[in-house]
Amino acid sequence: NFMIKNSHEYQSIKWVNNNLPKNAKIISDLRSVSFLNNEFIPTDWLNLNLSNDDLINYFKIIKQEKFNYIVLKSKSKKNHRFENCIGNKIFQSPEFTKSTRNPFNRDNKYSVSIFEFKHNKLPSCVMNN
């Protein structure tokens, strides 16, 4: 399949789509979020070295809209800024081969995890890194 070979993280997005209910609201560490079937919000804002005060509106949206799952490109929630907001692991993916347009850069493997997200604990559960 062309998309699996060439579209970054397409395989993992497809896996997430197959494993979450249609009404799930997802916070996603994955970059190819446009392929998600569900309502989503990216975690990109967390990588901008902004303070929790600067992110308060982002946290409000997550809480008000009741985002209830988080997808991490990791097997663990440890040291994630949302660590204290994340509940039980629901699913662990198999290993996927990194997709890229460059055929010489397809050797890396990765997996993703789906966790419950405790939106009602925001903003007090957020850690500063």
Protein backbone atom coordinates (compact mmCIF):
# COMPACT_ATOMS: atom_id res chain seq x y z
CA ASN A 1 0.00 0.00 0.00
CA PHE A 2 1.37 3.38 -1.02
CA MET A 3 0.16 5.18 2.12
CA ILE A 4 1.68 2.62 4.49
CA LYS A 5 5.07 2.87 2.79
CA ASN A 6 5.19 6.63 2.24
CA SER A 7 2.93 8.46 4.72
CA HIS A 8 4.53 9.23 8.06
CA GLU A 9 2.82 7.27 10.88
CA TYR A 10 -0.07 6.21 8.64
CA GLN A 11 0.07 2.61 9.91
CA SER A 12 -0.25 3.70 13.52
CA ILE A 13 -3.13 6.08 12.74
CA LYS A 14 -4.94 3.27 10.95
CA TRP A 15 -4.36 1.04 14.00
CA VAL A 16 -5.72 3.76 16.35
CA ASN A 17 -8.81 4.18 14.12
CA ASN A 18 -9.46 0.43 14.34
CA ASN A 19 -9.08 0.27 18.13
CA LEU A 20 -11.00 3.25 19.48
CA PRO A 21 -14.75 3.80 19.49
CA LYS A 22 -16.28 6.30 17.08
CA ASN A 23 -17.10 8.73 19.93
CA ALA A 24 -13.55 8.79 21.36
CA LYS A 25 -11.90 12.19 21.64
CA ILE A 26 -8.15 11.85 21.19
CA ILE A 27 -5.12 13.80 22.33
CA SER A 28 -2.41 12.70 19.93
CA ASP A 29 1.40 12.59 20.00
CA LEU A 30 1.29 11.38 16.38
CA ARG A 31 1.89 13.90 13.62
CA SER A 32 -0.41 12.57 10.88
CA VAL A 33 -3.55 13.50 12.79
CA SER A 34 -5.52 14.41 9.67
CA PHE A 35 -5.99 10.67 9.07
CA LEU A 36 -7.73 10.15 12.44
CA ASN A 37 -11.43 9.32 12.22
CA ASN A 38 -12.15 10.90 15.59
CA GLU A 39 -12.13 14.41 17.00
CA PHE A 40 -8.56 15.15 18.06
CA ILE A 41 -6.21 17.70 19.51
CA PRO A 42 -2.44 17.46 18.95
CA THR A 43 0.18 17.61 21.70
CA ASP A 44 2.39 19.94 19.61
CA TRP A 45 1.77 22.82 22.04
CA LEU A 46 3.51 20.86 24.80
CA ASN A 47 6.75 20.83 22.82
CA LEU A 48 7.05 24.61 22.56
CA ASN A 49 8.55 25.15 26.04
CA LEU A 50 5.55 27.21 27.10
CA SER A 51 4.65 27.57 30.76
CA ASN A 52 1.44 26.07 32.14
CA ASP A 53 0.08 29.64 32.38
CA ASP A 54 0.64 30.08 28.64
CA LEU A 55 -1.11 26.77 27.96
CA ILE A 56 -4.15 27.34 30.18
CA ASN A 57 -6.53 27.81 27.21
CA TYR A 58 -5.24 24.58 25.63
CA PHE A 59 -5.96 22.76 28.91
CA LYS A 60 -9.43 24.38 29.13
CA ILE A 61 -10.36 23.13 25.66
CA ILE A 62 -9.25 19.58 26.52
CA LYS A 63 -11.28 19.68 29.75
CA GLN A 64 -14.40 21.34 28.31
CA GLU A 65 -14.52 19.07 25.26
CA LYS A 66 -13.86 15.99 27.46
CA PHE A 67 -10.97 14.47 25.55
CA ASN A 68 -10.85 10.94 26.98
CA TYR A 69 -7.92 9.15 25.29
CA ILE A 70 -4.29 10.00 24.67
CA VAL A 71 -2.13 8.33 22.02
CA LEU A 72 1.59 8.29 22.81
CA LYS A 73 4.48 7.25 20.62
CA SER A 74 5.87 5.43 23.61
CA LYS A 75 5.10 2.39 25.72
CA SER A 76 5.05 4.46 28.88
CA LYS A 77 3.48 7.66 30.18
CA LYS A 78 6.51 8.27 32.39
CA ASN A 79 8.02 11.77 32.12
CA HIS A 80 5.24 12.96 29.81
CA ARG A 81 3.96 16.42 30.70
CA PHE A 82 0.46 14.90 31.07
CA GLU A 83 1.76 11.96 33.16
CA ASN A 84 -0.49 12.72 36.16
CA CYS A 85 -3.55 13.11 33.89
CA ILE A 86 -3.09 9.76 32.15
CA GLY A 87 -4.95 6.68 33.37
CA ASN A 88 -4.63 3.03 32.44
CA LYS A 89 -3.09 1.76 29.23
CA ILE A 90 -5.94 0.51 27.02
CA PHE A 91 -3.99 -0.78 24.00
CA GLN A 92 -0.39 -1.35 22.94
CA SER A 93 0.28 -1.52 19.22
CA PRO A 94 2.54 -3.95 17.43
CA GLU A 95 5.77 -2.53 16.06
CA PHE A 96 5.40 -0.49 12.89
CA THR A 97 8.05 0.29 10.31
CA LYS A 98 8.77 3.97 9.94
CA SER A 99 7.13 5.31 6.78
CA THR A 100 8.94 7.88 4.73
CA ARG A 101 9.26 9.09 1.17
CA ASN A 102 12.95 8.24 1.38
CA PRO A 103 13.21 4.45 0.80
CA PHE A 104 16.65 4.37 2.46
CA ASN A 105 15.22 5.65 5.74
CA ARG A 106 12.63 2.94 6.44
CA ASP A 107 14.51 0.71 8.87
CA ASN A 108 13.36 2.22 12.16
CA LYS A 109 10.56 0.64 14.17
CA TYR A 110 8.15 2.30 16.58
CA SER A 111 4.99 1.50 18.47
CA VAL A 112 2.17 3.52 20.02
CA SER A 113 0.10 3.21 23.18
CA ILE A 114 -3.45 4.29 23.88
CA PHE A 115 -4.22 5.41 27.42
CA GLU A 116 -7.29 6.71 29.21
CA PHE A 117 -7.09 10.47 29.74
CA LYS A 118 -8.51 12.04 32.91
CA HIS A 119 -9.61 15.42 31.51
CA ASN A 120 -11.47 16.25 34.74
CA LYS A 121 -8.11 16.51 36.57
CA LEU A 122 -6.91 19.40 34.40
CA PRO A 123 -5.13 21.73 34.90
CA SER A 124 -3.83 20.60 38.30
CA CYS A 125 -2.49 17.28 36.98
CA VAL A 126 -0.11 18.90 34.48
CA MET A 127 3.63 18.70 35.07
CA ASN A 128 6.18 21.25 33.96
CA ASN A 129 9.17 19.68 32.23
